[in-house]
Protein backbone atom coordinates (compact mmCIF):
# COMPACT_ATOMS: atom_id res chain seq x y z
CA MET A 1 -8.39 31.23 18.23
CA THR A 2 -12.04 30.24 19.47
CA GLN A 3 -13.30 27.35 21.03
CA THR A 4 -16.47 26.10 21.42
CA GLU A 5 -18.29 26.29 24.77
CA ALA A 6 -17.58 23.86 27.50
CA ALA A 7 -14.48 22.70 25.70
CA PRO A 8 -11.11 22.67 26.81
CA ARG A 9 -9.40 25.64 25.18
CA ARG A 10 -6.70 23.75 23.00
CA ARG A 11 -4.06 25.20 20.96
CA PRO A 12 -3.11 23.43 17.19
CA GLY A 13 0.39 23.45 17.87
CA ARG A 14 0.20 21.63 20.63
CA ALA A 15 2.02 17.85 21.36
CA LEU A 16 1.36 17.48 17.23
CA MET A 17 2.95 13.87 17.88
CA CYS A 18 4.14 11.40 15.16
CA LEU A 19 1.54 9.01 14.04
CA ALA A 20 2.85 6.10 12.17
CA ALA A 21 0.74 5.05 9.22
CA SER A 22 -0.35 1.99 9.03
CA ALA A 23 -2.93 -0.54 9.29
CA ILE A 24 -3.44 -4.05 9.84
CA ALA A 25 0.11 -5.43 9.33
CA ALA A 26 2.16 -2.83 8.08
CA VAL A 27 3.86 -0.11 10.30
CA VAL A 28 5.87 3.41 8.56
CA VAL A 29 8.58 4.63 10.86
CA LEU A 30 8.79 8.51 10.79
CA SER A 31 12.12 9.63 11.66
CA GLY A 32 12.28 11.44 14.68
CA CYS A 33 9.11 10.02 16.16
CA ALA A 34 8.09 8.45 19.44
CA ALA A 35 8.32 4.37 18.63
CA GLN A 36 5.11 3.60 20.87
CA ASP A 37 1.81 5.35 19.55
CA PRO A 38 -0.82 3.79 20.44
CA LEU A 39 -3.22 4.86 17.69
CA ALA A 40 -0.41 3.69 15.43
CA GLN A 41 0.03 0.18 17.66
CA GLN A 42 -3.77 -0.09 17.96
CA ALA A 43 -4.33 0.13 14.14
CA ALA A 44 -1.15 -1.81 13.58
CA GLU A 45 -2.43 -5.04 15.55
CA GLY A 46 -5.79 -5.29 13.80
CA SER A 47 -7.76 -6.24 16.82
CA ASN A 48 -11.12 -5.69 18.14
CA LYS A 49 -9.55 -4.30 21.45
CA ASN A 50 -12.46 -0.88 21.74
CA TYR A 51 -10.58 1.76 20.24
CA ILE A 52 -8.51 4.89 21.68
CA ALA A 53 -11.06 7.14 23.07
CA GLY A 54 -10.97 10.58 22.43
CA ASP A 55 -12.96 12.67 24.67
CA GLY A 56 -14.99 14.76 22.74
CA SER A 57 -13.05 17.86 22.77
CA VAL A 58 -13.28 20.14 19.86
CA THR A 59 -10.76 23.24 19.02
CA GLU A 60 -11.52 25.75 16.11
CA TYR A 61 -8.53 27.57 14.47
CA ALA A 62 -8.68 31.09 13.63
CA ALA A 63 -7.96 31.96 9.81
CA ALA A 64 -4.84 33.23 10.62
CA GLU A 65 -3.65 30.04 11.87
CA ARG A 66 -4.37 27.37 9.49
CA GLY A 67 -1.67 27.05 7.86
CA GLU A 68 -1.04 25.54 4.35
CA PRO A 69 -4.01 23.41 2.77
CA VAL A 70 -4.02 19.64 3.55
CA GLN A 71 -1.94 17.81 0.81
CA ILE A 72 -3.34 14.10 0.81
CA GLU A 73 -4.50 11.91 -1.96
CA GLY A 74 -5.84 8.10 -1.68
CA THR A 75 -7.47 5.65 -2.82
CA LEU A 76 -11.61 5.15 -2.45
CA TYR A 77 -12.90 1.47 -1.76
CA ASN A 78 -14.74 1.97 -4.87
CA GLY A 79 -10.98 2.14 -7.17
CA GLU A 80 -11.24 5.65 -7.64
CA THR A 81 -8.47 7.78 -6.96
CA VAL A 82 -9.12 11.06 -5.07
CA SER A 83 -6.37 14.35 -4.62
CA SER A 84 -7.31 17.25 -2.11
CA SER A 85 -6.12 18.85 -4.79
CA ALA A 86 -9.99 19.52 -6.15
CA TRP A 87 -11.50 20.04 -2.87
CA PRO A 88 -10.74 24.32 -2.38
CA GLY A 89 -14.19 26.15 -3.23
CA GLU A 90 -16.29 23.11 -0.96
CA VAL A 91 -16.44 22.79 2.92
CA THR A 92 -14.58 19.30 3.41
CA VAL A 93 -15.63 16.96 6.24
CA LEU A 94 -13.01 14.33 6.89
CA ASN A 95 -13.74 11.38 9.40
CA PHE A 96 -11.69 8.53 10.50
CA TRP A 97 -13.05 5.50 11.33
CA TYR A 98 -12.86 1.58 11.80
CA ALA A 99 -15.82 -0.69 11.57
CA ALA A 100 -14.90 -2.29 15.36
CA CYS A 101 -14.88 1.17 16.94
CA ALA A 102 -18.18 1.75 19.05
CA PRO A 103 -18.20 5.84 18.91
CA CYS A 104 -17.73 4.93 14.88
CA ARG A 105 -21.18 2.97 15.13
CA GLU A 106 -22.74 5.11 17.27
CA GLU A 107 -21.99 8.90 15.41
CA ALA A 108 -22.95 7.17 12.03
CA PRO A 109 -26.42 8.17 12.10
CA ASP A 110 -25.81 11.61 12.62
CA LEU A 111 -22.71 11.68 9.86
CA VAL A 112 -25.76 10.04 7.54
CA ALA A 113 -27.86 12.83 9.00
CA LEU A 114 -25.71 15.92 7.76
CA HIS A 115 -23.98 14.86 4.54
CA GLU A 116 -28.31 15.15 3.64
CA GLU A 117 -28.70 18.25 5.27
CA TYR A 118 -25.55 19.83 3.65
CA GLN A 119 -26.22 18.24 0.36
CA SER A 120 -27.09 20.85 -1.62
CA GLU A 121 -24.39 22.86 -0.19
CA ASP A 122 -20.72 23.45 -0.89
CA VAL A 123 -20.28 20.74 1.50
CA GLN A 124 -18.51 17.31 0.77
CA PHE A 125 -17.86 13.87 2.99
CA TYR A 126 -15.17 11.38 2.73
CA GLY A 127 -14.92 8.81 5.78
CA VAL A 128 -10.94 7.33 6.51
CA ASN A 129 -10.72 4.32 6.82
CA ILE A 130 -7.61 3.31 8.70
CA ARG A 131 -7.88 -0.67 9.23
CA ASP A 132 -10.67 -2.52 7.42
CA SER A 133 -10.95 -5.05 4.51
CA LYS A 134 -12.81 -3.70 1.30
CA GLU A 135 -15.51 -6.16 2.68
CA ASN A 136 -15.85 -5.15 6.05
CA ALA A 137 -15.58 -1.55 5.32
CA GLU A 138 -18.67 -1.88 3.09
CA ALA A 139 -20.37 -4.18 5.04
CA PHE A 140 -19.88 -1.11 7.88
CA GLU A 141 -21.43 0.58 5.01
CA ARG A 142 -24.21 -0.59 4.18
CA ASN A 143 -25.28 -1.48 7.71
CA PHE A 144 -25.54 2.39 8.37
CA GLY A 145 -26.26 3.74 5.14
CA ILE A 146 -23.65 6.03 4.84
CA PRO A 147 -23.84 7.31 1.42
CA TYR A 148 -20.39 9.43 0.83
CA PRO A 149 -17.44 7.47 -0.01
CA SER A 150 -14.44 6.64 1.94
CA PHE A 151 -10.41 6.48 1.80
CA ASN A 152 -9.06 2.52 1.88
CA ASP A 153 -6.20 3.77 4.20
CA SER A 154 -4.94 0.91 5.10
CA ASP A 155 -1.42 1.90 3.82
CA GLY A 156 -1.30 4.80 5.99
CA GLY A 157 -0.72 7.36 3.49
CA VAL A 158 -3.90 10.10 4.03
CA LEU A 159 -2.98 9.55 8.25
CA LEU A 160 0.19 10.43 7.76
CA ALA A 161 0.20 12.68 5.26
CA MET A 162 -2.51 14.39 8.19
CA THR A 163 0.41 14.56 10.96
CA SER A 164 1.79 18.12 8.99
CA HIS A 165 -1.33 19.59 9.58
CA VAL A 166 -3.19 18.27 13.02
CA PRO A 167 -3.06 15.09 13.38
CA PRO A 168 -6.09 12.40 14.37
CA GLN A 169 -4.92 11.43 17.50
CA ALA A 170 -8.02 9.27 18.33
CA VAL A 171 -10.65 7.31 16.73
CA PRO A 172 -12.92 8.65 15.71
CA THR A 173 -11.64 11.97 14.71
CA THR A 174 -13.79 14.35 12.06
CA LEU A 175 -11.70 17.30 10.69
CA VAL A 176 -13.53 19.73 8.92
CA LEU A 177 -11.35 21.67 6.09
CA ASP A 178 -12.66 25.38 4.73
CA LYS A 179 -13.06 26.64 1.54
CA GLU A 180 -9.09 26.47 0.78
CA GLY A 181 -8.47 22.91 2.07
CA ARG A 182 -7.35 24.20 5.64
CA VAL A 183 -8.15 22.24 8.41
CA SER A 184 -10.50 24.86 10.14
CA ALA A 185 -11.87 22.87 13.43
CA ARG A 186 -11.55 19.15 14.92
CA ILE A 187 -13.41 17.30 17.14
CA LEU A 188 -11.06 14.33 19.11
CA GLY A 189 -13.60 11.39 19.55
CA LEU A 190 -17.55 11.00 18.92
CA ALA A 191 -18.79 13.91 17.13
CA ASP A 192 -21.81 15.82 18.69
CA LYS A 193 -24.32 16.58 16.00
CA GLY A 194 -25.25 19.75 16.68
CA THR A 195 -21.43 20.72 16.78
CA LEU A 196 -20.53 19.46 14.08
CA SER A 197 -23.01 21.19 12.03
CA ALA A 198 -22.31 24.45 13.82
CA LEU A 199 -18.46 24.07 12.52
CA ILE A 200 -19.60 23.52 9.07
CA ASP A 201 -22.03 25.92 9.58
CA SER A 202 -19.16 28.64 10.11
CA ALA A 203 -16.44 27.23 7.55
CA LEU A 204 -19.13 27.76 5.31
CA ALA A 205 -20.02 31.61 6.12
CA GLU A 206 -16.02 32.57 5.56
């Protein structure tokens, strides 16, 4: 495993914490999970009390350590159902967010710029909104000019599916999936534009 410069070394198998897969009012209880997961609690409350902070740390996973391709299926805010089974062959960027999250707002212009930068390459972007109503999510997307779609993950399906791969653990979290659909990198917290670009380039070069 390699690590971006100035980021603490993290092992992909470290502390695979359990995440309850709810947003707003419902909480899915996972067998054997800790009952008080802070990200799940925050999503369940649906309040505007800031966010679970990530430290901006970056973890890259060597190809031999990535495990199986991500298996997720969810519904976008436009009603379209999307499955990760259609993603192999492209690098995929997944950004977990919600509208009241301050760093989500801060990183939004950079995500828009990166989407435009890689538009002609084999890179696709998806947001994963863990909390908001359709109206609030779409208002955020209009305000920041978000050109790529987001999953409506108010039922926690995408979040739950990711716990068997690399738990998000913070909002925002940005994941880069390689061309086989495996997690190649994770940023916990605010995504630095240059760092994310380097992670995308690395996945494209494989």
